[in-house]
Amino acid sequence: MMTMIKVKIDKTTCLGCGGCIIICPEVFEYSKEIKAQIKEEFREKIKEANIGIITDAKLIKQIKTIESLCPTHSIRIEKST
Protein backbone atom coordinates (compact mmCIF):
# COMPACT_ATOMS: atom_id res chain seq x y z
CA MET A 1 0.00 0.00 0.00
CA MET A 2 1.32 3.41 -0.97
CA THR A 3 1.69 6.02 1.75
CA MET A 4 -0.08 9.28 1.00
CA ILE A 5 -0.76 12.50 2.87
CA LYS A 6 -3.04 15.42 2.18
CA VAL A 7 -1.42 18.67 3.27
CA LYS A 8 -3.21 21.99 3.62
CA ILE A 9 -1.93 25.53 4.13
CA ASP A 10 -4.07 28.02 6.02
CA LYS A 11 -3.30 31.21 4.11
CA THR A 12 -5.13 33.34 6.67
CA THR A 13 -2.55 32.52 9.35
CA CYS A 14 0.58 31.97 7.20
CA LEU A 15 3.23 34.60 7.91
CA GLY A 16 5.31 33.80 4.84
CA CYS A 17 8.35 33.09 7.02
CA GLY A 18 9.63 30.58 4.44
CA GLY A 19 10.56 27.74 6.77
CA CYS A 20 8.54 25.27 4.73
CA ILE A 21 10.19 26.45 1.53
CA ILE A 22 13.66 26.09 3.04
CA ILE A 23 12.96 22.58 4.38
CA CYS A 24 11.02 21.27 1.37
CA PRO A 25 11.47 23.42 -1.75
CA GLU A 26 10.32 20.49 -3.88
CA VAL A 27 6.74 20.98 -2.62
CA PHE A 28 6.42 24.56 -1.31
CA GLU A 29 6.92 27.96 -2.95
CA TYR A 30 5.88 31.57 -2.38
CA SER A 31 2.61 32.89 -3.78
CA LYS A 32 2.22 36.39 -5.21
CA GLU A 33 1.08 37.45 -1.72
CA ILE A 34 4.37 36.14 -0.23
CA LYS A 35 2.58 33.29 1.53
CA ALA A 36 3.39 29.59 1.27
CA GLN A 37 1.69 27.60 -1.45
CA ILE A 38 1.89 24.09 -2.88
CA LYS A 39 3.72 23.76 -6.19
CA GLU A 40 1.38 23.00 -9.07
CA GLU A 41 2.52 19.40 -9.62
CA PHE A 42 1.40 18.45 -6.07
CA ARG A 43 -1.90 20.33 -5.95
CA GLU A 44 -5.04 18.33 -5.37
CA LYS A 45 -6.90 20.67 -7.70
CA ILE A 46 -4.93 22.85 -10.09
CA LYS A 47 -6.54 26.09 -8.88
CA GLU A 48 -6.17 25.34 -5.17
CA ALA A 49 -2.61 26.24 -4.24
CA ASN A 50 -3.21 25.48 -0.55
CA ILE A 51 -4.06 21.75 -0.79
CA GLY A 52 -1.67 19.06 -1.98
CA ILE A 53 -1.33 15.29 -2.20
CA ILE A 54 2.12 13.87 -1.42
CA THR A 55 3.16 10.24 -1.93
CA ASP A 56 6.97 10.38 -1.82
CA ALA A 57 8.23 9.03 1.55
CA LYS A 58 11.11 11.53 1.80
CA LEU A 59 8.80 14.48 1.15
CA ILE A 60 6.22 13.14 3.62
CA LYS A 61 8.90 13.02 6.32
CA GLN A 62 9.92 16.62 5.55
CA ILE A 63 6.30 17.81 5.63
CA LYS A 64 5.72 16.14 9.01
CA THR A 65 8.72 18.11 10.30
CA ILE A 66 7.35 21.31 8.78
CA GLU A 67 3.95 20.72 10.38
CA SER A 68 5.58 20.57 13.82
CA LEU A 69 7.84 23.59 13.21
CA CYS A 70 5.46 26.05 11.53
CA PRO A 71 5.24 28.98 13.98
CA THR A 72 1.56 29.63 13.24
CA HIS A 73 0.55 25.98 12.65
CA SER A 74 -0.59 27.01 9.16
CA ILE A 75 0.62 23.79 7.54
CA ARG A 76 -1.43 20.75 8.53
CA ILE A 77 -1.50 17.16 7.45
CA GLU A 78 -5.22 16.48 7.04
CA LYS A 79 -5.23 12.85 5.99
CA SER A 80 -2.70 10.08 5.74
CA THR A 81 -2.79 6.48 4.64
PDB file of N, CA and C in Angstrom:
ATOM      1  N   MET A   1       0.842  -1.195   0.000  1.00  0.00           N
ATOM      2  CA  MET A   1       0.000   0.000   0.000  1.00  0.00           C
ATOM      3  C   MET A   1       0.878   1.247   0.000  1.00  0.00           C
ATOM      4  N   MET A   2       0.551   2.181  -0.864  1.00  0.00           N
ATOM      5  CA  MET A   2       1.320   3.411  -0.971  1.00  0.00           C
ATOM      6  C   MET A   2       0.936   4.377   0.147  1.00  0.00           C
ATOM      7  N   THR A   3       1.935   4.997   0.743  1.00  0.00           N
ATOM      8  CA  THR A   3       1.690   6.022   1.745  1.00  0.00           C
ATOM      9  C   THR A   3       1.350   7.321   1.041  1.00  0.00           C
ATOM     10  N   MET A   4       0.356   8.031   1.580  1.00  0.00           N
ATOM     11  CA  MET A   4      -0.076   9.284   1.000  1.00  0.00           C
ATOM     12  C   MET A   4      -0.518  10.213   2.116  1.00  0.00           C
ATOM     13  N   ILE A   5      -0.227  11.500   1.956  1.00  0.00           N
ATOM     14  CA  ILE A   5      -0.764  12.499   2.872  1.00  0.00           C
ATOM     15  C   ILE A   5      -1.438  13.602   2.070  1.00  0.00           C
ATOM     16  N   LYS A   6      -2.404  14.221   2.721  1.00  0.00           N
ATOM     17  CA  LYS A   6      -3.037  15.416   2.177  1.00  0.00           C
ATOM     18  C   LYS A   6      -2.589  16.556   3.078  1.00  0.00           C
ATOM     19  N   VAL A   7      -1.947  17.545   2.491  1.00  0.00           N
ATOM     20  CA  VAL A   7      -1.421  18.668   3.266  1.00  0.00           C
ATOM     21  C   VAL A   7      -2.167  19.935   2.874  1.00  0.00           C
ATOM     22  N   LYS A   8      -2.465  20.754   3.869  1.00  0.00           N
ATOM     23  CA  LYS A   8      -3.207  21.988   3.622  1.00  0.00           C
ATOM     24  C   LYS A   8      -2.499  23.164   4.285  1.00  0.00           C
ATOM     25  N   ILE A   9      -2.502  24.292   3.601  1.00  0.00           N
ATOM     26  CA  ILE A   9      -1.928  25.531   4.131  1.00  0.00           C
ATOM     27  C   ILE A   9      -3.069  26.489   4.440  1.00  0.00           C
ATOM     28  N   ASP A  10      -3.094  26.998   5.649  1.00  0.00           N
ATOM     29  CA  ASP A  10      -4.070  28.024   6.023  1.00  0.00           C
ATOM     30  C   ASP A  10      -3.459  29.379   5.679  1.00  0.00           C
ATOM     31  N   LYS A  11      -3.880  29.945   4.576  1.00  0.00           N
ATOM     32  CA  LYS A  11      -3.299  31.211   4.113  1.00  0.00           C
ATOM     33  C   LYS A  11      -3.693  32.392   4.990  1.00  0.00           C
ATOM     34  N   THR A  12      -4.728  32.230   5.805  1.00  0.00           N
ATOM     35  CA  THR A  12      -5.131  33.340   6.674  1.00  0.00           C
ATOM     36  C   THR A  12      -4.176  33.506   7.851  1.00  0.00           C
ATOM     37  N   THR A  13      -3.475  32.430   8.221  1.00  0.00           N
ATOM     38  CA  THR A  13      -2.551  32.521   9.353  1.00  0.00           C
ATOM     39  C   THR A  13      -1.077  32.452   8.928  1.00  0.00           C
ATOM     40  N   CYS A  14      -0.811  32.069   7.683  1.00  0.00           N
ATOM     41  CA  CYS A  14       0.581  31.968   7.202  1.00  0.00           C
ATOM     42  C   CYS A  14       1.253  33.327   7.240  1.00  0.00           C
ATOM     43  N   LEU A  15       2.446  33.361   7.829  1.00  0.00           N
ATOM     44  CA  LEU A  15       3.230  34.597   7.909  1.00  0.00           C
ATOM     45  C   LEU A  15       4.159  34.787   6.721  1.00  0.00           C
ATOM     46  N   GLY A  16       4.367  33.727   5.949  1.00  0.00           N
ATOM     47  CA  GLY A  16       5.312  33.801   4.842  1.00  0.00           C
ATOM     48  C   GLY A  16       6.753  33.771   5.322  1.00  0.00           C
ATOM     49  N   CYS A  17       6.996  33.112   6.451  1.00  0.00           N
ATOM     50  CA  CYS A  17       8.348  33.087   7.016  1.00  0.00           C
ATOM     51  C   CYS A  17       9.320  32.284   6.153  1.00  0.00           C
ATOM     52  N   GLY A  18       8.790  31.333   5.367  1.00  0.00           N
ATOM     53  CA  GLY A  18       9.632  30.584   4.441  1.00  0.00           C
ATOM     54  C   GLY A  18      10.260  29.328   4.979  1.00  0.00           C
ATOM     55  N   GLY A  19       9.986  28.964   6.211  1.00  0.00           N
ATOM     56  CA  GLY A  19      10.564  27.742   6.766  1.00  0.00           C
ATOM     57  C   GLY A  19      10.209  26.510   5.961  1.00  0.00           C
ATOM     58  N   CYS A  20       8.971  26.425   5.526  1.00  0.00           N
ATOM     59  CA  CYS A  20       8.539  25.271   4.731  1.00  0.00           C
ATOM     60  C   CYS A  20       9.263  25.224   3.386  1.00  0.00           C
ATOM     61  N   ILE A  21       9.502  26.374   2.819  1.00  0.00           N
ATOM     62  CA  ILE A  21      10.189  26.452   1.527  1.00  0.00           C
ATOM     63  C   ILE A  21      11.657  26.073   1.675  1.00  0.00           C
ATOM     64  N   ILE A  22      12.255  26.449   2.777  1.00  0.00           N
ATOM     65  CA  ILE A  22      13.656  26.091   3.037  1.00  0.00           C
ATOM     66  C   ILE A  22      13.792  24.584   3.263  1.00  0.00           C
ATOM     67  N   ILE A  23      12.880  24.001   4.055  1.00  0.00           N
ATOM     68  CA  ILE A  23      12.960  22.575   4.381  1.00  0.00           C
ATOM     69  C   ILE A  23      12.553  21.698   3.208  1.00  0.00           C
ATOM     70  N   CYS A  24      11.552  22.121   2.445  1.00  0.00           N
ATOM     71  CA  CYS A  24      11.020  21.268   1.373  1.00  0.00           C
ATOM     72  C   CYS A  24      10.690  22.093   0.117  1.00  0.00           C
ATOM     73  N   PRO A  25      11.718  22.605  -0.558  1.00  0.00           N
ATOM     74  CA  PRO A  25      11.467  23.425  -1.752  1.00  0.00           C
ATOM     75  C   PRO A  25      10.881  22.632  -2.919  1.00  0.00           C
ATOM     76  N   GLU A  26      10.924  21.313  -2.827  1.00  0.00           N
ATOM     77  CA  GLU A  26      10.323  20.488  -3.884  1.00  0.00           C
ATOM     78  C   GLU A  26       8.802  20.633  -3.908  1.00  0.00           C
ATOM     79  N   VAL A  27       8.201  20.938  -2.741  1.00  0.00           N
ATOM     80  CA  VAL A  27       6.744  20.983  -2.617  1.00  0.00           C
ATOM     81  C   VAL A  27       6.213  22.400  -2.429  1.00  0.00           C
ATOM     82  N   PHE A  28       6.934  23.238  -1.670  1.00  0.00           N
ATOM     83  CA  PHE A  28       6.422  24.557  -1.311  1.00  0.00           C
ATOM     84  C   PHE A  28       7.133  25.675  -2.071  1.00  0.00           C
ATOM     85  N   GLU A  29       6.387  26.759  -2.310  1.00  0.00           N
ATOM     86  CA  GLU A  29       6.921  27.955  -2.946  1.00  0.00           C
ATOM     87  C   GLU A  29       6.127  29.150  -2.426  1.00  0.00           C
ATOM     88  N   TYR A  30       6.607  30.355  -2.758  1.00  0.00           N
ATOM     89  CA  TYR A  30       5.875  31.573  -2.381  1.00  0.00           C
ATOM     90  C   TYR A  30       4.793  31.878  -3.405  1.00  0.00           C
ATOM     91  N   SER A  31       3.677  32.388  -2.908  1.00  0.00           N
ATOM     92  CA  SER A  31       2.613  32.888  -3.780  1.00  0.00           C
ATOM     93  C   SER A  31       2.907  34.356  -4.093  1.00  0.00           C
ATOM     94  N   LYS A  32       2.072  34.963  -4.906  1.00  0.00           N
ATOM     95  CA  LYS A  32       2.216  36.394  -5.212  1.00  0.00           C
ATOM     96  C   LYS A  32       2.064  37.243  -3.961  1.00  0.00           C
ATOM     97  N   GLU A  33       1.316  36.730  -2.983  1.00  0.00           N
ATOM     98  CA  GLU A  33       1.084  37.454  -1.723  1.00  0.00           C
ATOM     99  C   GLU A  33       2.190  37.198  -0.695  1.00  0.00           C
ATOM    100  N   ILE A  34       3.247  36.523  -1.099  1.00  0.00           N
ATOM    101  CA  ILE A  34       4.368  36.141  -0.226  1.00  0.00           C
ATOM    102  C   ILE A  34       3.886  35.265   0.929  1.00  0.00           C
ATOM    103  N   LYS A  35       3.033  34.321   0.594  1.00  0.00           N
ATOM    104  CA  LYS A  35       2.577  33.293   1.528  1.00  0.00           C
ATOM    105  C   LYS A  35       2.992  31.948   0.941  1.00  0.00           C
ATOM    106  N   ALA A  36       3.044  30.927   1.761  1.00  0.00           N
ATOM    107  CA  ALA A  36       3.387  29.590   1.265  1.00  0.00           C
ATOM    108  C   ALA A  36       2.264  29.058   0.388  1.00  0.00           C
ATOM    109  N   GLN A  37       2.660  28.320  -0.642  1.00  0.00           N
ATOM    110  CA  GLN A  37       1.686  27.598  -1.448  1.00  0.00           C
ATOM    111  C   GLN A  37       2.307  26.301  -1.936  1.00  0.00           C
ATOM    112  N   ILE A  38       1.457  25.379  -2.353  1.00  0.00           N
ATOM    113  CA  ILE A  38       1.889  24.090  -2.877  1.00  0.00           C
ATOM    114  C   ILE A  38       2.245  24.274  -4.356  1.00  0.00           C
ATOM    115  N   LYS A  39       3.357  23.704  -4.770  1.00  0.00           N
ATOM    116  CA  LYS A  39       3.716  23.764  -6.187  1.00  0.00           C
ATOM    117  C   LYS A  39       2.670  23.019  -7.015  1.00  0.00           C
ATOM    118  N   GLU A  40       2.465  23.486  -8.218  1.00  0.00           N
ATOM    119  CA  GLU A  40       1.382  23.000  -9.066  1.00  0.00           C
ATOM    120  C   GLU A  40       1.354  21.479  -9.232  1.00  0.00           C
ATOM    121  N   GLU A  41       2.511  20.848  -9.361  1.00  0.00           N
ATOM    122  CA  GLU A  41       2.518  19.401  -9.617  1.00  0.00           C
ATOM    123  C   GLU A  41       2.001  18.564  -8.442  1.00  0.00           C
ATOM    124  N   PHE A  42       1.888  19.167  -7.248  1.00  0.00           N
ATOM    125  CA  PHE A  42       1.402  18.445  -6.072  1.00  0.00           C
ATOM    126  C   PHE A  42      -0.012  18.859  -5.660  1.00  0.00           C
ATOM    127  N   ARG A  43      -0.579  19.826  -6.336  1.00  0.00           N
ATOM    128  CA  ARG A  43      -1.899  20.331  -5.950  1.00  0.00           C
ATOM    129  C   ARG A  43      -2.989  19.303  -6.193  1.00  0.00           C
ATOM    130  N   GLU A  44      -3.902  19.236  -5.222  1.00  0.00           N
ATOM    131  CA  GLU A  44      -5.039  18.326  -5.369  1.00  0.00           C
ATOM    132  C   GLU A  44      -5.922  18.781  -6.530  1.00  0.00           C
ATOM    133  N   LYS A  45      -6.165  20.061  -6.591  1.00  0.00           N
ATOM    134  CA  LYS A  45      -6.903  20.672  -7.697  1.00  0.00           C
ATOM    135  C   LYS A  45      -6.022  21.801  -8.209  1.00  0.00           C
ATOM    136  N   ILE A  46      -5.874  21.898  -9.498  1.00  0.00           N
ATOM    137  CA  ILE A  46      -4.929  22.851 -10.094  1.00  0.00           C
ATOM    138  C   ILE A  46      -5.102  24.272  -9.562  1.00  0.00           C
ATOM    139  N   LYS A  47      -6.323  24.709  -9.326  1.00  0.00           N
ATOM    140  CA  LYS A  47      -6.545  26.094  -8.880  1.00  0.00           C
ATOM    141  C   LYS A  47      -6.343  26.288  -7.383  1.00  0.00           C
ATOM    142  N   GLU A  48      -6.305  25.208  -6.617  1.00  0.00           N
ATOM    143  CA  GLU A  48      -6.172  25.339  -5.170  1.00  0.00           C
ATOM    144  C   GLU A  48      -4.722  25.159  -4.760  1.00  0.00           C
ATOM    145  N   ALA A  49      -4.040  26.265  -4.563  1.00  0.00           N
ATOM    146  CA  ALA A  49      -2.612  26.241  -4.237  1.00  0.00           C
ATOM    147  C   ALA A  49      -2.355  25.942  -2.768  1.00  0.00           C
ATOM    148  N   ASN A  50      -3.412  25.730  -1.980  1.00  0.00           N
ATOM    149  CA  ASN A  50      -3.209  25.476  -0.554  1.00  0.00           C
ATOM    150  C   ASN A  50      -3.491  24.034  -0.146  1.00  0.00           C
ATOM    151  N   ILE A  51      -3.809  23.154  -1.111  1.00  0.00           N
ATOM    152  CA  ILE A  51      -4.056  21.752  -0.788  1.00  0.00           C
ATOM    153  C   ILE A  51      -3.242  20.872  -1.730  1.00  0.00           C
ATOM    154  N   GLY A  52      -2.497  19.927  -1.153  1.00  0.00           N
ATOM    155  CA  GLY A  52      -1.673  19.056  -1.977  1.00  0.00           C
ATOM    156  C   GLY A  52      -1.722  17.610  -1.527  1.00  0.00           C
ATOM    157  N   ILE A  53      -1.403  16.724  -2.462  1.00  0.00           N
ATOM    158  CA  ILE A  53      -1.325  15.295  -2.196  1.00  0.00           C
ATOM    159  C   ILE A  53       0.127  14.866  -2.397  1.00  0.00           C
ATOM    160  N   ILE A  54       0.721  14.267  -1.369  1.00  0.00           N
ATOM    161  CA  ILE A  54       2.123  13.874  -1.419  1.00  0.00           C
ATOM    162  C   ILE A  54       2.218  12.365  -1.198  1.00  0.00           C
ATOM    163  N   THR A  55       2.997  11.684  -2.060  1.00  0.00           N
ATOM    164  CA  THR A  55       3.159  10.236  -1.931  1.00  0.00           C
ATOM    165  C   THR A  55       4.613   9.820  -1.718  1.00  0.00           C
ATOM    166  N   ASP A  56       5.548  10.696  -1.969  1.00  0.00           N
ATOM    167  CA  ASP A  56       6.967  10.376  -1.816  1.00  0.00           C
ATOM    168  C   ASP A  56       7.343  10.335  -0.327  1.00  0.00           C
ATOM    169  N   ALA A  57       7.923   9.230   0.123  1.00  0.00           N
ATOM    170  CA  ALA A  57       8.231   9.026   1.548  1.00  0.00           C
ATOM    171  C   ALA A  57       9.165  10.099   2.102  1.00  0.00           C
ATOM    172  N   LYS A  58      10.165  10.501   1.343  1.00  0.00           N
ATOM    173  CA  LYS A  58      11.106  11.533   1.799  1.00  0.00           C
ATOM    174  C   LYS A  58      10.390  12.863   1.990  1.00  0.00           C
ATOM    175  N   LEU A  59       9.532  13.227   1.052  1.00  0.00           N
ATOM    176  CA  LEU A  59       8.795  14.481   1.154  1.00  0.00           C
ATOM    177  C   LEU A  59       7.789  14.440   2.300  1.00  0.00           C
ATOM    178  N   ILE A  60       7.166  13.292   2.503  1.00  0.00           N
ATOM    179  CA  ILE A  60       6.220  13.144   3.616  1.00  0.00           C
ATOM    180  C   ILE A  60       6.937  13.379   4.944  1.00  0.00           C
ATOM    181  N   LYS A  61       8.121  12.824   5.089  1.00  0.00           N
ATOM    182  CA  LYS A  61       8.903  13.018   6.324  1.00  0.00           C
ATOM    183  C   LYS A  61       9.214  14.501   6.529  1.00  0.00           C
ATOM    184  N   GLN A  62       9.612  15.188   5.454  1.00  0.00           N
ATOM    185  CA  GLN A  62       9.917  16.618   5.549  1.00  0.00           C
ATOM    186  C   GLN A  62       8.674  17.423   5.928  1.00  0.00           C
ATOM    187  N   ILE A  63       7.536  17.073   5.348  1.00  0.00           N
ATOM    188  CA  ILE A  63       6.302  17.812   5.633  1.00  0.00           C
ATOM    189  C   ILE A  63       5.845  17.575   7.064  1.00  0.00           C
ATOM    190  N   LYS A  64       6.048  16.396   7.594  1.00  0.00           N
ATOM    191  CA  LYS A  64       5.721  16.136   9.006  1.00  0.00           C
ATOM    192  C   LYS A  64       6.580  17.018   9.913  1.00  0.00           C
ATOM    193  N   THR A  65       7.843  17.210   9.544  1.00  0.00           N
ATOM    194  CA  THR A  65       8.723  18.110  10.297  1.00  0.00           C
ATOM    195  C   THR A  65       8.215  19.539  10.195  1.00  0.00           C
ATOM    196  N   ILE A  66       7.860  19.955   8.994  1.00  0.00           N
ATOM    197  CA  ILE A  66       7.352  21.313   8.776  1.00  0.00           C
ATOM    198  C   ILE A  66       6.090  21.549   9.600  1.00  0.00           C
ATOM    199  N   GLU A  67       5.194  20.571   9.614  1.00  0.00           N
ATOM    200  CA  GLU A  67       3.948  20.724  10.379  1.00  0.00           C
ATOM    201  C   GLU A  67       4.253  21.016  11.849  1.00  0.00           C
ATOM    202  N   SER A  68       5.261  20.361  12.404  1.00  0.00           N
ATOM    203  CA  SER A  68       5.584  20.574  13.816  1.00  0.00           C
ATOM    204  C   SER A  68       6.353  21.875  14.060  1.00  0.00           C
ATOM    205  N   LEU A  69       7.029  22.394  13.037  1.00  0.00           N
ATOM    206  CA  LEU A  69       7.842  23.594  13.210  1.00  0.00           C
ATOM    207  C   LEU A  69       7.175  24.902  12.787  1.00  0.00           C
ATOM    208  N   CYS A  70       6.114  24.834  12.020  1.00  0.00           N
ATOM    209  CA  CYS A  70       5.458  26.054  11.531  1.00  0.00           C
ATOM    210  C   CYS A  70       5.033  26.917  12.720  1.00  0.00           C
ATOM    211  N   PRO A  71       5.515  28.160  12.792  1.00  0.00           N
ATOM    212  CA  PRO A  71       5.242  28.982  13.978  1.00  0.00           C
ATOM    213  C   PRO A  71       3.767  29.331  14.171  1.00  0.00           C
ATOM    214  N   THR A  72       2.987  29.310  13.117  1.00  0.00           N
ATOM    215  CA  THR A  72       1.562  29.634  13.236  1.00  0.00           C
ATOM    216  C   THR A  72       0.669  28.410  13.011  1.00  0.00           C
ATOM    217  N   HIS A  73       1.276  27.231  12.895  1.00  0.00           N
ATOM    218  CA  HIS A  73       0.546  25.984  12.651  1.00  0.00           C
ATOM    219  C   HIS A  73      -0.345  26.089  11.409  1.00  0.00           C
ATOM    220  N   SER A  74       0.167  26.790  10.398  1.00  0.00           N
ATOM    221  CA  SER A  74      -0.587  27.009   9.160  1.00  0.00           C
ATOM    222  C   SER A  74      -0.509  25.826   8.216  1.00  0.00           C
ATOM    223  N   ILE A  75       0.468  24.962   8.400  1.00  0.00           N
ATOM    224  CA  ILE A  75       0.616  23.787   7.541  1.00  0.00           C
ATOM    225  C   ILE A  75       0.178  22.573   8.349  1.00  0.00           C
ATOM    226  N   ARG A  76      -0.847  21.885   7.818  1.00  0.00           N
ATOM    227  CA  ARG A  76      -1.434  20.750   8.529  1.00  0.00           C
ATOM    228  C   ARG A  76      -1.549  19.558   7.616  1.00  0.00           C
ATOM    229  N   ILE A  77      -1.250  18.410   8.152  1.00  0.00           N
ATOM    230  CA  ILE A  77      -1.505  17.164   7.448  1.00  0.00           C
ATOM    231  C   ILE A  77      -2.943  16.781   7.806  1.00  0.00           C
ATOM    232  N   GLU A  78      -3.806  16.758   6.797  1.00  0.00           N
ATOM    233  CA  GLU A  78      -5.218  16.485   7.037  1.00  0.00           C
ATOM    234  C   GLU A  78      -5.566  15.008   6.986  1.00  0.00           C
ATOM    235  N   LYS A  79      -4.883  14.261   6.146  1.00  0.00           N
ATOM    236  CA  LYS A  79      -5.235  12.853   5.989  1.00  0.00           C
ATOM    237  C   LYS A  79      -3.985  12.099   5.606  1.00  0.00           C
ATOM    238  N   SER A  80      -3.819  10.911   6.148  1.00  0.00           N
ATOM    239  CA  SER A  80      -2.702  10.083   5.741  1.00  0.00           C
ATOM    240  C   SER A  80      -3.141   8.624   5.665  1.00  0.00           C
ATOM    241  N   THR A  81      -2.506   7.910   4.766  1.00  0.00           N
ATOM    242  CA  THR A  81      -2.790   6.477   4.636  1.00  0.00           C
ATOM    243  C   THR A  81      -1.486   5.718   4.563  1.00  0.00           C
TER     244      THR A  81
END
